[in-house]
Amino acid sequence: EGSTLDKYAKDNSIECSYLEPKNFEIAQCSKIEDQIFTGKEIKPVVELTYNGEKLVEGLDYTLTYSNNINAGQATLVITGRVEYSGSIEVKYNILKILNEK
């Protein structure tokens, strides 16, 4: 309440209601398989669904990768946006293949 939108609605006798954001933490993320070290950023593609409905990157959520260059455990934080609230964190492995002689 008190926003410019609220004032406009009141001044123009428009009834407004607010939708509660959906809890993004219950979204389902596709499994991220182990990745092979390349020396470059590794950003696996993921698919997300919410109650069976496929979500769209950039529209429904954003992706933030960290520790995703070197071998070890990388992190992907998926944050809901617009009608989704919250975030989920997904860990995945980057494996360094040793050359056998």
PDB file of N, CA and C in Angstrom:
ATOM      1  N   GLU A   1       0.823  -1.176   0.000  1.00  0.00           N
ATOM      2  CA  GLU A   1       0.000   0.000   0.000  1.00  0.00           C
ATOM      3  C   GLU A   1       0.870   1.243   0.000  1.00  0.00           C
ATOM      4  N   GLY A   2       0.322   2.321  -0.531  1.00  0.00           N
ATOM      5  CA  GLY A   2       1.044   3.579  -0.548  1.00  0.00           C
ATOM      6  C   GLY A   2       1.899   3.791  -1.776  1.00  0.00           C
ATOM      7  N   SER A   3       1.916   2.829  -2.674  1.00  0.00           N
ATOM      8  CA  SER A   3       2.729   2.961  -3.880  1.00  0.00           C
ATOM      9  C   SER A   3       2.021   3.873  -4.886  1.00  0.00           C
ATOM     10  N   THR A   4       2.744   4.260  -5.905  1.00  0.00           N
ATOM     11  CA  THR A   4       2.163   5.069  -6.983  1.00  0.00           C
ATOM     12  C   THR A   4       0.985   4.337  -7.621  1.00  0.00           C
ATOM     13  N   LEU A   5       1.126   3.029  -7.787  1.00  0.00           N
ATOM     14  CA  LEU A   5       0.041   2.228  -8.359  1.00  0.00           C
ATOM     15  C   LEU A   5      -1.195   2.269  -7.467  1.00  0.00           C
ATOM     16  N   ASP A   6      -0.982   2.133  -6.154  1.00  0.00           N
ATOM     17  CA  ASP A   6      -2.115   2.193  -5.222  1.00  0.00           C
ATOM     18  C   ASP A   6      -2.821   3.541  -5.310  1.00  0.00           C
ATOM     19  N   LYS A   7      -2.052   4.623  -5.358  1.00  0.00           N
ATOM     20  CA  LYS A   7      -2.635   5.967  -5.435  1.00  0.00           C
ATOM     21  C   LYS A   7      -3.432   6.124  -6.734  1.00  0.00           C
ATOM     22  N   TYR A   8      -2.854   5.682  -7.847  1.00  0.00           N
ATOM     23  CA  TYR A   8      -3.541   5.772  -9.135  1.00  0.00           C
ATOM     24  C   TYR A   8      -4.862   5.000  -9.095  1.00  0.00           C
ATOM     25  N   ALA A   9      -4.803   3.783  -8.550  1.00  0.00           N
ATOM     26  CA  ALA A   9      -6.010   2.950  -8.474  1.00  0.00           C
ATOM     27  C   ALA A   9      -7.077   3.629  -7.624  1.00  0.00           C
ATOM     28  N   LYS A  10      -6.663   4.165  -6.483  1.00  0.00           N
ATOM     29  CA  LYS A  10      -7.631   4.829  -5.597  1.00  0.00           C
ATOM     30  C   LYS A  10      -8.230   6.064  -6.270  1.00  0.00           C
ATOM     31  N   ASP A  11      -7.369   6.885  -6.894  1.00  0.00           N
ATOM     32  CA  ASP A  11      -7.837   8.111  -7.560  1.00  0.00           C
ATOM     33  C   ASP A  11      -8.786   7.828  -8.712  1.00  0.00           C
ATOM     34  N   ASN A  12      -8.657   6.642  -9.310  1.00  0.00           N
ATOM     35  CA  ASN A  12      -9.474   6.299 -10.475  1.00  0.00           C
ATOM     36  C   ASN A  12     -10.511   5.214 -10.177  1.00  0.00           C
ATOM     37  N   SER A  13     -10.749   4.995  -8.900  1.00  0.00           N
ATOM     38  CA  SER A  13     -11.751   4.010  -8.444  1.00  0.00           C
ATOM     39  C   SER A  13     -11.533   2.635  -9.066  1.00  0.00           C
ATOM     40  N   ILE A  14     -10.268   2.222  -9.102  1.00  0.00           N
ATOM     41  CA  ILE A  14      -9.924   0.900  -9.627  1.00  0.00           C
ATOM     42  C   ILE A  14      -9.583   0.008  -8.444  1.00  0.00           C
ATOM     43  N   GLU A  15     -10.171  -1.186  -8.431  1.00  0.00           N
ATOM     44  CA  GLU A  15      -9.894  -2.119  -7.349  1.00  0.00           C
ATOM     45  C   GLU A  15      -8.648  -2.929  -7.687  1.00  0.00           C
ATOM     46  N   CYS A  16      -7.707  -2.954  -6.778  1.00  0.00           N
ATOM     47  CA  CYS A  16      -6.458  -3.711  -6.983  1.00  0.00           C
ATOM     48  C   CYS A  16      -6.376  -4.835  -5.963  1.00  0.00           C
ATOM     49  N   SER A  17      -5.793  -5.915  -6.396  1.00  0.00           N
ATOM     50  CA  SER A  17      -5.474  -6.992  -5.463  1.00  0.00           C
ATOM     51  C   SER A  17      -4.067  -7.478  -5.799  1.00  0.00           C
ATOM     52  N   TYR A  18      -3.402  -7.982  -4.806  1.00  0.00           N
ATOM     53  CA  TYR A  18      -2.020  -8.424  -4.980  1.00  0.00           C
ATOM     54  C   TYR A  18      -1.952  -9.940  -4.888  1.00  0.00           C
ATOM     55  N   LEU A  19      -1.192 -10.514  -5.779  1.00  0.00           N
ATOM     56  CA  LEU A  19      -0.989 -11.959  -5.759  1.00  0.00           C
ATOM     57  C   LEU A  19       0.216 -12.281  -4.886  1.00  0.00           C
ATOM     58  N   GLU A  20       0.073 -13.288  -4.070  1.00  0.00           N
ATOM     59  CA  GLU A  20       1.205 -13.751  -3.280  1.00  0.00           C
ATOM     60  C   GLU A  20       2.174 -14.475  -4.208  1.00  0.00           C
ATOM     61  N   PRO A  21       3.473 -14.185  -4.094  1.00  0.00           N
ATOM     62  CA  PRO A  21       4.429 -14.900  -4.946  1.00  0.00           C
ATOM     63  C   PRO A  21       4.440 -16.387  -4.609  1.00  0.00           C
ATOM     64  N   LYS A  22       4.709 -17.189  -5.633  1.00  0.00           N
ATOM     65  CA  LYS A  22       4.788 -18.637  -5.449  1.00  0.00           C
ATOM     66  C   LYS A  22       6.138 -18.982  -4.830  1.00  0.00           C
ATOM     67  N   ASN A  23       6.150 -19.966  -3.950  1.00  0.00           N
ATOM     68  CA  ASN A  23       7.373 -20.392  -3.279  1.00  0.00           C
ATOM     69  C   ASN A  23       8.263 -21.158  -4.253  1.00  0.00           C
ATOM     70  N   PHE A  24       9.288 -20.489  -4.743  1.00  0.00           N
ATOM     71  CA  PHE A  24      10.172 -21.068  -5.753  1.00  0.00           C
ATOM     72  C   PHE A  24      10.956 -22.264  -5.224  1.00  0.00           C
ATOM     73  N   GLU A  25      11.090 -22.364  -3.908  1.00  0.00           N
ATOM     74  CA  GLU A  25      11.895 -23.432  -3.317  1.00  0.00           C
ATOM     75  C   GLU A  25      11.326 -24.824  -3.574  1.00  0.00           C
ATOM     76  N   ILE A  26      10.076 -24.915  -4.046  1.00  0.00           N
ATOM     77  CA  ILE A  26       9.520 -26.239  -4.350  1.00  0.00           C
ATOM     78  C   ILE A  26       9.623 -26.574  -5.843  1.00  0.00           C
ATOM     79  N   ALA A  27      10.271 -25.691  -6.607  1.00  0.00           N
ATOM     80  CA  ALA A  27      10.495 -25.980  -8.037  1.00  0.00           C
ATOM     81  C   ALA A  27      11.407 -27.202  -8.152  1.00  0.00           C
ATOM     82  N   GLN A  28      11.241 -27.941  -9.220  1.00  0.00           N
ATOM     83  CA  GLN A  28      12.050 -29.133  -9.475  1.00  0.00           C
ATOM     84  C   GLN A  28      13.097 -28.825 -10.534  1.00  0.00           C
ATOM     85  N   CYS A  29      14.350 -29.149 -10.248  1.00  0.00           N
ATOM     86  CA  CYS A  29      15.456 -28.904 -11.177  1.00  0.00           C
ATOM     87  C   CYS A  29      15.956 -30.236 -11.718  1.00  0.00           C
ATOM     88  N   SER A  30      16.249 -30.257 -13.024  1.00  0.00           N
ATOM     89  CA  SER A  30      16.808 -31.469 -13.618  1.00  0.00           C
ATOM     90  C   SER A  30      18.169 -31.764 -12.989  1.00  0.00           C
ATOM     91  N   LYS A  31      18.529 -33.029 -12.967  1.00  0.00           N
ATOM     92  CA  LYS A  31      19.800 -33.456 -12.371  1.00  0.00           C
ATOM     93  C   LYS A  31      20.970 -32.937 -13.209  1.00  0.00           C
ATOM     94  N   ILE A  32      21.997 -32.447 -12.546  1.00  0.00           N
ATOM     95  CA  ILE A  32      23.215 -32.021 -13.235  1.00  0.00           C
ATOM     96  C   ILE A  32      24.235 -33.141 -13.086  1.00  0.00           C
ATOM     97  N   GLU A  33      24.605 -33.723 -14.200  1.00  0.00           N
ATOM     98  CA  GLU A  33      25.609 -34.793 -14.203  1.00  0.00           C
ATOM     99  C   GLU A  33      26.985 -34.206 -13.915  1.00  0.00           C
ATOM    100  N   ASP A  34      27.927 -35.058 -13.520  1.00  0.00           N
ATOM    101  CA  ASP A  34      29.304 -34.611 -13.328  1.00  0.00           C
ATOM    102  C   ASP A  34      29.818 -34.000 -14.623  1.00  0.00           C
ATOM    103  N   GLN A  35      30.572 -32.927 -14.490  1.00  0.00           N
ATOM    104  CA  GLN A  35      31.123 -32.202 -15.631  1.00  0.00           C
ATOM    105  C   GLN A  35      32.629 -32.447 -15.704  1.00  0.00           C
ATOM    106  N   ILE A  36      33.198 -32.335 -16.888  1.00  0.00           N
ATOM    107  CA  ILE A  36      34.637 -32.538 -17.083  1.00  0.00           C
ATOM    108  C   ILE A  36      35.341 -31.187 -17.109  1.00  0.00           C
ATOM    109  N   PHE A  37      36.431 -31.076 -16.349  1.00  0.00           N
ATOM    110  CA  PHE A  37      37.229 -29.861 -16.272  1.00  0.00           C
ATOM    111  C   PHE A  37      37.718 -29.455 -17.658  1.00  0.00           C
ATOM    112  N   THR A  38      37.559 -28.160 -17.979  1.00  0.00           N
ATOM    113  CA  THR A  38      38.011 -27.629 -19.269  1.00  0.00           C
ATOM    114  C   THR A  38      38.946 -26.437 -19.100  1.00  0.00           C
ATOM    115  N   GLY A  39      39.012 -25.894 -17.881  1.00  0.00           N
ATOM    116  CA  GLY A  39      39.778 -24.678 -17.654  1.00  0.00           C
ATOM    117  C   GLY A  39      38.955 -23.423 -17.908  1.00  0.00           C
ATOM    118  N   LYS A  40      37.726 -23.602 -18.345  1.00  0.00           N
ATOM    119  CA  LYS A  40      36.815 -22.485 -18.616  1.00  0.00           C
ATOM    120  C   LYS A  40      35.572 -22.645 -17.744  1.00  0.00           C
ATOM    121  N   GLU A  41      34.764 -21.580 -17.686  1.00  0.00           N
ATOM    122  CA  GLU A  41      33.517 -21.669 -16.926  1.00  0.00           C
ATOM    123  C   GLU A  41      32.636 -22.795 -17.462  1.00  0.00           C
ATOM    124  N   ILE A  42      32.090 -23.563 -16.541  1.00  0.00           N
ATOM    125  CA  ILE A  42      31.170 -24.638 -16.925  1.00  0.00           C
ATOM    126  C   ILE A  42      29.791 -24.266 -16.402  1.00  0.00           C
ATOM    127  N   LYS A  43      28.861 -24.067 -17.337  1.00  0.00           N
ATOM    128  CA  LYS A  43      27.495 -23.664 -16.996  1.00  0.00           C
ATOM    129  C   LYS A  43      26.516 -24.679 -17.571  1.00  0.00           C
ATOM    130  N   PRO A  44      26.263 -25.765 -16.842  1.00  0.00           N
ATOM    131  CA  PRO A  44      25.339 -26.776 -17.347  1.00  0.00           C
ATOM    132  C   PRO A  44      23.939 -26.201 -17.570  1.00  0.00           C
ATOM    133  N   VAL A  45      23.281 -26.700 -18.582  1.00  0.00           N
ATOM    134  CA  VAL A  45      21.896 -26.314 -18.866  1.00  0.00           C
ATOM    135  C   VAL A  45      20.992 -27.101 -17.924  1.00  0.00           C
ATOM    136  N   VAL A  46      20.041 -26.411 -17.325  1.00  0.00           N
ATOM    137  CA  VAL A  46      19.082 -27.081 -16.446  1.00  0.00           C
ATOM    138  C   VAL A  46      17.666 -26.789 -16.924  1.00  0.00           C
ATOM    139  N   GLU A  47      16.767 -27.679 -16.564  1.00  0.00           N
ATOM    140  CA  GLU A  47      15.350 -27.464 -16.826  1.00  0.00           C
ATOM    141  C   GLU A  47      14.648 -27.428 -15.485  1.00  0.00           C
ATOM    142  N   LEU A  48      13.746 -26.464 -15.344  1.00  0.00           N
ATOM    143  CA  LEU A  48      12.997 -26.327 -14.114  1.00  0.00           C
ATOM    144  C   LEU A  48      11.516 -26.460 -14.374  1.00  0.00           C
ATOM    145  N   THR A  49      10.838 -27.076 -13.420  1.00  0.00           N
ATOM    146  CA  THR A  49       9.387 -27.166 -13.483  1.00  0.00           C
ATOM    147  C   THR A  49       8.819 -26.756 -12.130  1.00  0.00           C
ATOM    148  N   TYR A  50       7.602 -26.239 -12.161  1.00  0.00           N
ATOM    149  CA  TYR A  50       6.878 -25.868 -10.946  1.00  0.00           C
ATOM    150  C   TYR A  50       5.486 -26.454 -11.084  1.00  0.00           C
ATOM    151  N   ASN A  51       5.180 -27.403 -10.227  1.00  0.00           N
ATOM    152  CA  ASN A  51       3.892 -28.114 -10.313  1.00  0.00           C
ATOM    153  C   ASN A  51       3.656 -28.674 -11.712  1.00  0.00           C
ATOM    154  N   GLY A  52       4.709 -29.208 -12.332  1.00  0.00           N
ATOM    155  CA  GLY A  52       4.601 -29.827 -13.651  1.00  0.00           C
ATOM    156  C   GLY A  52       4.700 -28.870 -14.820  1.00  0.00           C
ATOM    157  N   GLU A  53       4.725 -27.566 -14.558  1.00  0.00           N
ATOM    158  CA  GLU A  53       4.802 -26.565 -15.628  1.00  0.00           C
ATOM    159  C   GLU A  53       6.262 -26.159 -15.843  1.00  0.00           C
ATOM    160  N   LYS A  54       6.711 -26.216 -17.102  1.00  0.00           N
ATOM    161  CA  LYS A  54       8.093 -25.867 -17.422  1.00  0.00           C
ATOM    162  C   LYS A  54       8.294 -24.358 -17.251  1.00  0.00           C
ATOM    163  N   LEU A  55       9.371 -23.986 -16.552  1.00  0.00           N
ATOM    164  CA  LEU A  55       9.686 -22.581 -16.320  1.00  0.00           C
ATOM    165  C   LEU A  55      10.696 -22.093 -17.353  1.00  0.00           C
ATOM    166  N   VAL A  56      10.752 -20.773 -17.547  1.00  0.00           N
ATOM    167  CA  VAL A  56      11.589 -20.158 -18.582  1.00  0.00           C
ATOM    168  C   VAL A  56      12.667 -19.300 -17.925  1.00  0.00           C
ATOM    169  N   GLU A  57      13.941 -19.607 -18.263  1.00  0.00           N
ATOM    170  CA  GLU A  57      15.053 -18.812 -17.753  1.00  0.00           C
ATOM    171  C   GLU A  57      14.907 -17.366 -18.225  1.00  0.00           C
ATOM    172  N   GLY A  58      15.186 -16.432 -17.345  1.00  0.00           N
ATOM    173  CA  GLY A  58      15.083 -15.016 -17.679  1.00  0.00           C
ATOM    174  C   GLY A  58      13.704 -14.446 -17.408  1.00  0.00           C
ATOM    175  N   LEU A  59      12.689 -15.259 -17.573  1.00  0.00           N
ATOM    176  CA  LEU A  59      11.320 -14.821 -17.301  1.00  0.00           C
ATOM    177  C   LEU A  59      10.900 -15.241 -15.890  1.00  0.00           C
ATOM    178  N   ASP A  60      11.069 -16.526 -15.589  1.00  0.00           N
ATOM    179  CA  ASP A  60      10.642 -17.073 -14.301  1.00  0.00           C
ATOM    180  C   ASP A  60      11.774 -17.161 -13.283  1.00  0.00           C
ATOM    181  N   TYR A  61      13.014 -17.247 -13.754  1.00  0.00           N
ATOM    182  CA  TYR A  61      14.147 -17.419 -12.843  1.00  0.00           C
ATOM    183  C   TYR A  61      15.451 -16.935 -13.485  1.00  0.00           C
ATOM    184  N   THR A  62      16.445 -16.700 -12.629  1.00  0.00           N
ATOM    185  CA  THR A  62      17.798 -16.363 -13.081  1.00  0.00           C
ATOM    186  C   THR A  62      18.774 -17.413 -12.539  1.00  0.00           C
ATOM    187  N   LEU A  63      19.913 -17.537 -13.198  1.00  0.00           N
ATOM    188  CA  LEU A  63      20.948 -18.494 -12.802  1.00  0.00           C
ATOM    189  C   LEU A  63      22.208 -17.741 -12.391  1.00  0.00           C
ATOM    190  N   THR A  64      22.812 -18.156 -11.281  1.00  0.00           N
ATOM    191  CA  THR A  64      24.083 -17.596 -10.835  1.00  0.00           C
ATOM    192  C   THR A  64      25.017 -18.754 -10.511  1.00  0.00           C
ATOM    193  N   TYR A  65      26.113 -18.854 -11.264  1.00  0.00           N
ATOM    194  CA  TYR A  65      27.079 -19.924 -11.075  1.00  0.00           C
ATOM    195  C   TYR A  65      28.257 -19.414 -10.254  1.00  0.00           C
ATOM    196  N   SER A  66      28.847 -20.294  -9.438  1.00  0.00           N
ATOM    197  CA  SER A  66      30.068 -19.942  -8.716  1.00  0.00           C
ATOM    198  C   SER A  66      30.951 -21.177  -8.579  1.00  0.00           C
ATOM    199  N   ASN A  67      32.244 -20.931  -8.429  1.00  0.00           N
ATOM    200  CA  ASN A  67      33.242 -22.015  -8.317  1.00  0.00           C
ATOM    201  C   ASN A  67      33.101 -23.006  -9.462  1.00  0.00           C
ATOM    202  N   ASN A  68      32.868 -22.482 -10.672  1.00  0.00           N
ATOM    203  CA  ASN A  68      32.561 -23.361 -11.806  1.00  0.00           C
ATOM    204  C   ASN A  68      33.651 -23.390 -12.878  1.00  0.00           C
ATOM    205  N   ILE A  69      34.899 -23.137 -12.475  1.00  0.00           N
ATOM    206  CA  ILE A  69      36.006 -23.217 -13.432  1.00  0.00           C
ATOM    207  C   ILE A  69      36.936 -24.380 -13.092  1.00  0.00           C
ATOM    208  N   ASN A  70      37.366 -24.456 -11.855  1.00  0.00           N
ATOM    209  CA  ASN A  70      38.332 -25.483 -11.448  1.00  0.00           C
ATOM    210  C   ASN A  70      37.634 -26.770 -11.021  1.00  0.00           C
ATOM    211  N   ALA A  71      38.421 -27.839 -10.991  1.00  0.00           N
ATOM    212  CA  ALA A  71      37.898 -29.120 -10.525  1.00  0.00           C
ATOM    213  C   ALA A  71      37.438 -28.980  -9.083  1.00  0.00           C
ATOM    214  N   GLY A  72      36.373 -29.670  -8.743  1.00  0.00           N
ATOM    215  CA  GLY A  72      35.816 -29.618  -7.396  1.00  0.00           C
ATOM    216  C   GLY A  72      34.307 -29.479  -7.460  1.00  0.00           C
ATOM    217  N   GLN A  73      33.743 -28.934  -6.404  1.00  0.00           N
ATOM    218  CA  GLN A  73      32.291 -28.784  -6.351  1.00  0.00           C
ATOM    219  C   GLN A  73      31.898 -27.356  -6.735  1.00  0.00           C
ATOM    220  N   ALA A  74      31.029 -27.243  -7.709  1.00  0.00           N
ATOM    221  CA  ALA A  74      30.522 -25.952  -8.177  1.00  0.00           C
ATOM    222  C   ALA A  74      29.109 -25.756  -7.637  1.00  0.00           C
ATOM    223  N   THR A  75      28.665 -24.507  -7.665  1.00  0.00           N
ATOM    224  CA  THR A  75      27.348 -24.170  -7.139  1.00  0.00           C
ATOM    225  C   THR A  75      26.551 -23.391  -8.177  1.00  0.00           C
ATOM    226  N   LEU A  76      25.295 -23.734  -8.283  1.00  0.00           N
ATOM    227  CA  LEU A  76      24.350 -23.005  -9.112  1.00  0.00           C
ATOM    228  C   LEU A  76      23.211 -22.542  -8.202  1.00  0.00           C
ATOM    229  N   VAL A  77      22.989 -21.227  -8.153  1.00  0.00           N
ATOM    230  CA  VAL A  77      21.861 -20.682  -7.402  1.00  0.00           C
ATOM    231  C   VAL A  77      20.811 -20.247  -8.423  1.00  0.00           C
ATOM    232  N   ILE A  78      19.619 -20.783  -8.273  1.00  0.00           N
ATOM    233  CA  ILE A  78      18.508 -20.487  -9.167  1.00  0.00           C
ATOM    234  C   ILE A  78      17.510 -19.656  -8.365  1.00  0.00           C
ATOM    235  N   THR A  79      17.282 -18.423  -8.824  1.00  0.00           N
ATOM    236  CA  THR A  79      16.456 -17.485  -8.077  1.00  0.00           C
ATOM    237  C   THR A  79      15.172 -17.184  -8.843  1.00  0.00           C
ATOM    238  N   GLY A  80      14.061 -17.363  -8.177  1.00  0.00           N
ATOM    239  CA  GLY A  80      12.770 -17.058  -8.782  1.00  0.00           C
ATOM    240  C   GLY A  80      12.609 -15.568  -8.983  1.00  0.00           C
ATOM    241  N   ARG A  81      11.852 -15.215 -10.006  1.00  0.00           N
ATOM    242  CA  ARG A  81      11.588 -13.792 -10.250  1.00  0.00           C
ATOM    243  C   ARG A  81      10.135 -13.604 -10.663  1.00  0.00           C
ATOM    244  N   VAL A  82       9.690 -12.398 -10.692  1.00  0.00           N
ATOM    245  CA  VAL A  82       8.341 -11.967 -11.023  1.00  0.00           C
ATOM    246  C   VAL A  82       7.322 -12.640 -10.087  1.00  0.00           C
ATOM    247  N   GLU A  83       6.721 -13.740 -10.489  1.00  0.00           N
ATOM    248  CA  GLU A  83       5.690 -14.350  -9.643  1.00  0.00           C
ATOM    249  C   GLU A  83       6.233 -15.445  -8.737  1.00  0.00           C
ATOM    250  N   TYR A  84       7.552 -15.643  -8.717  1.00  0.00           N
ATOM    251  CA  TYR A  84       8.179 -16.658  -7.870  1.00  0.00           C
ATOM    252  C   TYR A  84       9.086 -15.988  -6.856  1.00  0.00           C
ATOM    253  N   SER A  85       9.071 -16.486  -5.628  1.00  0.00           N
ATOM    254  CA  SER A  85       9.879 -15.923  -4.561  1.00  0.00           C
ATOM    255  C   SER A  85      10.773 -17.011  -3.974  1.00  0.00           C
ATOM    256  N   GLY A  86      12.034 -16.676  -3.732  1.00  0.00           N
ATOM    257  CA  GLY A  86      12.951 -17.620  -3.122  1.00  0.00           C
ATOM    258  C   GLY A  86      13.980 -18.123  -4.117  1.00  0.00           C
ATOM    259  N   SER A  87      14.824 -19.024  -3.649  1.00  0.00           N
ATOM    260  CA  SER A  87      15.860 -19.585  -4.518  1.00  0.00           C
ATOM    261  C   SER A  87      16.189 -21.002  -4.076  1.00  0.00           C
ATOM    262  N   ILE A  88      16.816 -21.724  -4.983  1.00  0.00           N
ATOM    263  CA  ILE A  88      17.305 -23.065  -4.667  1.00  0.00           C
ATOM    264  C   ILE A  88      18.774 -23.133  -5.064  1.00  0.00           C
ATOM    265  N   GLU A  89      19.517 -23.934  -4.337  1.00  0.00           N
ATOM    266  CA  GLU A  89      20.946 -24.086  -4.599  1.00  0.00           C
ATOM    267  C   GLU A  89      21.207 -25.514  -5.040  1.00  0.00           C
ATOM    268  N   VAL A  90      21.948 -25.656  -6.133  1.00  0.00           N
ATOM    269  CA  VAL A  90      22.255 -26.974  -6.673  1.00  0.00           C
ATOM    270  C   VAL A  90      23.777 -27.096  -6.762  1.00  0.00           C
ATOM    271  N   LYS A  91      24.312 -28.187  -6.251  1.00  0.00           N
ATOM    272  CA  LYS A  91      25.750 -28.450  -6.322  1.00  0.00           C
ATOM    273  C   LYS A  91      26.009 -29.444  -7.446  1.00  0.00           C
ATOM    274  N   TYR A  92      27.157 -29.285  -8.113  1.00  0.00           N
ATOM    275  CA  TYR A  92      27.564 -30.256  -9.114  1.00  0.00           C
ATOM    276  C   TYR A  92      29.081 -30.365  -9.101  1.00  0.00           C
ATOM    277  N   ASN A  93      29.567 -31.479  -9.617  1.00  0.00           N
ATOM    278  CA  ASN A  93      31.008 -31.761  -9.584  1.00  0.00           C
ATOM    279  C   ASN A  93      31.667 -31.459 -10.913  1.00  0.00           C
ATOM    280  N   ILE A  94      32.883 -30.908 -10.823  1.00  0.00           N
ATOM    281  CA  ILE A  94      33.746 -30.744 -11.997  1.00  0.00           C
ATOM    282  C   ILE A  94      34.930 -31.662 -11.761  1.00  0.00           C
ATOM    283  N   LEU A  95      35.073 -32.619 -12.666  1.00  0.00           N
ATOM    284  CA  LEU A  95      36.102 -33.647 -12.506  1.00  0.00           C
ATOM    285  C   LEU A  95      37.286 -33.374 -13.428  1.00  0.00           C
ATOM    286  N   LYS A  96      38.484 -33.538 -12.883  1.00  0.00           N
ATOM    287  CA  LYS A  96      39.697 -33.384 -13.683  1.00  0.00           C
ATOM    288  C   LYS A  96      40.151 -34.791 -14.059  1.00  0.00           C
ATOM    289  N   ILE A  97      40.246 -35.043 -15.354  1.00  0.00           N
ATOM    290  CA  ILE A  97      40.669 -36.348 -15.843  1.00  0.00           C
ATOM    291  C   ILE A  97      42.200 -36.365 -15.908  1.00  0.00           C
ATOM    292  N   LEU A  98      42.794 -37.325 -15.223  1.00  0.00           N
ATOM    293  CA  LEU A  98      44.246 -37.446 -15.235  1.00  0.00           C
ATOM    294  C   LEU A  98      44.683 -38.261 -16.445  1.00  0.00           C
ATOM    295  N   ASN A  99      45.727 -37.790 -17.125  1.00  0.00           N
ATOM    296  CA  ASN A  99      46.260 -38.532 -18.270  1.00  0.00           C
ATOM    297  C   ASN A  99      47.017 -39.758 -17.797  1.00  0.00           C
ATOM    298  N   GLU A 100      46.681 -40.892 -18.359  1.00  0.00           N
ATOM    299  CA  GLU A 100      47.397 -42.131 -18.017  1.00  0.00           C
ATOM    300  C   GLU A 100      48.497 -42.363 -19.013  1.00  0.00           C
ATOM    301  N   LYS A 101      49.665 -42.763 -18.532  1.00  0.00           N
ATOM    302  CA  LYS A 101      50.808 -43.017 -19.439  1.00  0.00           C
ATOM    303  C   LYS A 101      51.181 -44.465 -19.421  1.00  0.00           C
TER     304      LYS A 101
END
